[in-house]
Amino acid sequence: MTSSYLKRSIEIYKNKGLINLVKRGIDFVLFPLFTTTISFIRHSYYRIKWDQAAPKPYRLIEIDPQEVEYVLTPYFRPLISRD
């Protein structure tokens, strides 16, 4: 696994240069830290706002499909089947 990171780093260095390699390295290290921190802050905000009624981030919520009136379509799924 480490050798694949090293190979990819060498490839980026050769093709894009040192500055691009450093930028990608920083993104590689900081992105997981950043996303974890944002998730923690979001969950903390909900806990403060709604106390015990705060939504659980990974809990499945079941609803009756017949009661759905509106659907927000994500930009990456332009078509949603009505079947």
C-alpha atoms as a PDB file:
ATOM      1  CA  MET A   1       0.000   0.000   0.000  1.00  0.00           C
ATOM      2  CA  THR A   2       2.788   2.416   0.904  1.00  0.00           C
ATOM      3  CA  SER A   3       4.600   1.656  -2.330  1.00  0.00           C
ATOM      4  CA  SER A   4       1.500   2.665  -4.329  1.00  0.00           C
ATOM      5  CA  TYR A   5       1.476   6.036  -2.524  1.00  0.00           C
ATOM      6  CA  LEU A   6       5.167   6.445  -3.266  1.00  0.00           C
ATOM      7  CA  LYS A   7       4.705   5.530  -6.931  1.00  0.00           C
ATOM      8  CA  ARG A   8       1.796   7.949  -7.262  1.00  0.00           C
ATOM      9  CA  SER A   9       3.801  10.695  -5.543  1.00  0.00           C
ATOM     10  CA  ILE A  10       6.700  10.221  -7.943  1.00  0.00           C
ATOM     11  CA  GLU A  11       4.302  10.264 -10.880  1.00  0.00           C
ATOM     12  CA  ILE A  12       2.699  13.526  -9.698  1.00  0.00           C
ATOM     13  CA  TYR A  13       6.121  15.066  -9.088  1.00  0.00           C
ATOM     14  CA  LYS A  14       7.339  14.163 -12.575  1.00  0.00           C
ATOM     15  CA  ASN A  15       4.176  15.262 -14.386  1.00  0.00           C
ATOM     16  CA  LYS A  16       2.923  18.218 -12.332  1.00  0.00           C
ATOM     17  CA  GLY A  17       5.876  19.422 -10.279  1.00  0.00           C
ATOM     18  CA  LEU A  18       6.798  19.849  -6.636  1.00  0.00           C
ATOM     19  CA  ILE A  19       4.198  22.492  -5.773  1.00  0.00           C
ATOM     20  CA  ASN A  20       1.340  20.320  -7.032  1.00  0.00           C
ATOM     21  CA  LEU A  21       2.716  17.330  -5.117  1.00  0.00           C
ATOM     22  CA  VAL A  22       2.862  19.366  -1.895  1.00  0.00           C
ATOM     23  CA  LYS A  23      -0.705  20.674  -2.414  1.00  0.00           C
ATOM     24  CA  ARG A  24      -2.023  17.166  -2.987  1.00  0.00           C
ATOM     25  CA  GLY A  25      -0.123  15.873   0.031  1.00  0.00           C
ATOM     26  CA  ILE A  26      -1.662  18.545   2.244  1.00  0.00           C
ATOM     27  CA  ASP A  27      -5.139  17.717   0.904  1.00  0.00           C
ATOM     28  CA  PHE A  28      -4.510  14.012   1.460  1.00  0.00           C
ATOM     29  CA  VAL A  29      -3.574  14.575   5.101  1.00  0.00           C
ATOM     30  CA  LEU A  30      -6.025  17.324   6.039  1.00  0.00           C
ATOM     31  CA  PHE A  31      -9.198  16.218   4.212  1.00  0.00           C
ATOM     32  CA  PRO A  32     -10.086  13.361   6.619  1.00  0.00           C
ATOM     33  CA  LEU A  33      -9.329  15.600   9.597  1.00  0.00           C
ATOM     34  CA  PHE A  34     -11.433  18.420   8.144  1.00  0.00           C
ATOM     35  CA  THR A  35     -14.445  16.222   7.340  1.00  0.00           C
ATOM     36  CA  THR A  36     -14.353  14.577  10.781  1.00  0.00           C
ATOM     37  CA  THR A  37     -14.193  17.989  12.469  1.00  0.00           C
ATOM     38  CA  ILE A  38     -17.090  19.359  10.409  1.00  0.00           C
ATOM     39  CA  SER A  39     -19.181  16.273  11.198  1.00  0.00           C
ATOM     40  CA  PHE A  40     -18.452  16.681  14.924  1.00  0.00           C
ATOM     41  CA  ILE A  41     -19.356  20.388  14.845  1.00  0.00           C
ATOM     42  CA  ARG A  42     -22.597  19.686  12.960  1.00  0.00           C
ATOM     43  CA  HIS A  43     -23.632  16.960  15.394  1.00  0.00           C
ATOM     44  CA  SER A  44     -22.749  19.190  18.382  1.00  0.00           C
ATOM     45  CA  TYR A  45     -24.863  22.004  16.936  1.00  0.00           C
ATOM     46  CA  TYR A  46     -27.852  19.683  16.598  1.00  0.00           C
ATOM     47  CA  ARG A  47     -27.391  18.415  20.158  1.00  0.00           C
ATOM     48  CA  ILE A  48     -27.346  22.000  21.478  1.00  0.00           C
ATOM     49  CA  LYS A  49     -30.312  23.070  19.355  1.00  0.00           C
ATOM     50  CA  TRP A  50     -32.582  20.061  19.966  1.00  0.00           C
ATOM     51  CA  ASP A  51     -31.024  18.454  23.056  1.00  0.00           C
ATOM     52  CA  GLN A  52     -32.364  14.891  23.367  1.00  0.00           C
ATOM     53  CA  ALA A  53     -34.475  15.247  20.218  1.00  0.00           C
ATOM     54  CA  ALA A  54     -31.352  15.736  18.071  1.00  0.00           C
ATOM     55  CA  PRO A  55     -31.312  13.468  15.024  1.00  0.00           C
ATOM     56  CA  LYS A  56     -28.911  10.551  15.187  1.00  0.00           C
ATOM     57  CA  PRO A  57     -26.545  10.914  12.229  1.00  0.00           C
ATOM     58  CA  TYR A  58     -26.512   7.232  11.183  1.00  0.00           C
ATOM     59  CA  ARG A  59     -29.981   6.149  12.257  1.00  0.00           C
ATOM     60  CA  LEU A  60     -32.311   4.942   9.517  1.00  0.00           C
ATOM     61  CA  ILE A  61     -35.594   6.828   9.424  1.00  0.00           C
ATOM     62  CA  GLU A  62     -38.495   4.969   7.868  1.00  0.00           C
ATOM     63  CA  ILE A  63     -41.369   6.837   6.219  1.00  0.00           C
ATOM     64  CA  ASP A  64     -44.469   5.869   4.286  1.00  0.00           C
ATOM     65  CA  PRO A  65     -43.754   6.563   0.576  1.00  0.00           C
ATOM     66  CA  GLN A  66     -47.422   7.485   0.078  1.00  0.00           C
ATOM     67  CA  GLU A  67     -46.953  10.470   2.397  1.00  0.00           C
ATOM     68  CA  VAL A  68     -44.104  11.990   0.359  1.00  0.00           C
ATOM     69  CA  GLU A  69     -45.252  15.216  -1.295  1.00  0.00           C
ATOM     70  CA  TYR A  70     -41.961  16.728  -2.524  1.00  0.00           C
ATOM     71  CA  VAL A  71     -38.617  15.332  -3.611  1.00  0.00           C
ATOM     72  CA  LEU A  72     -35.355  17.264  -3.818  1.00  0.00           C
ATOM     73  CA  THR A  73     -33.306  15.896  -6.684  1.00  0.00           C
ATOM     74  CA  PRO A  74     -29.547  15.883  -6.028  1.00  0.00           C
ATOM     75  CA  TYR A  75     -27.450  17.414  -8.792  1.00  0.00           C
ATOM     76  CA  PHE A  76     -25.771  14.043  -9.455  1.00  0.00           C
ATOM     77  CA  ARG A  77     -29.099  12.208  -9.997  1.00  0.00           C
ATOM     78  CA  PRO A  78     -31.139  14.289 -12.437  1.00  0.00           C
ATOM     79  CA  LEU A  79     -33.742  11.574 -12.971  1.00  0.00           C
ATOM     80  CA  ILE A  80     -35.597   9.796 -10.200  1.00  0.00           C
ATOM     81  CA  SER A  81     -37.895   6.954 -11.149  1.00  0.00           C
ATOM     82  CA  ARG A  82     -41.516   7.363 -10.089  1.00  0.00           C
ATOM     83  CA  ASP A  83     -42.088   3.577 -10.169  1.00  0.00           C
END
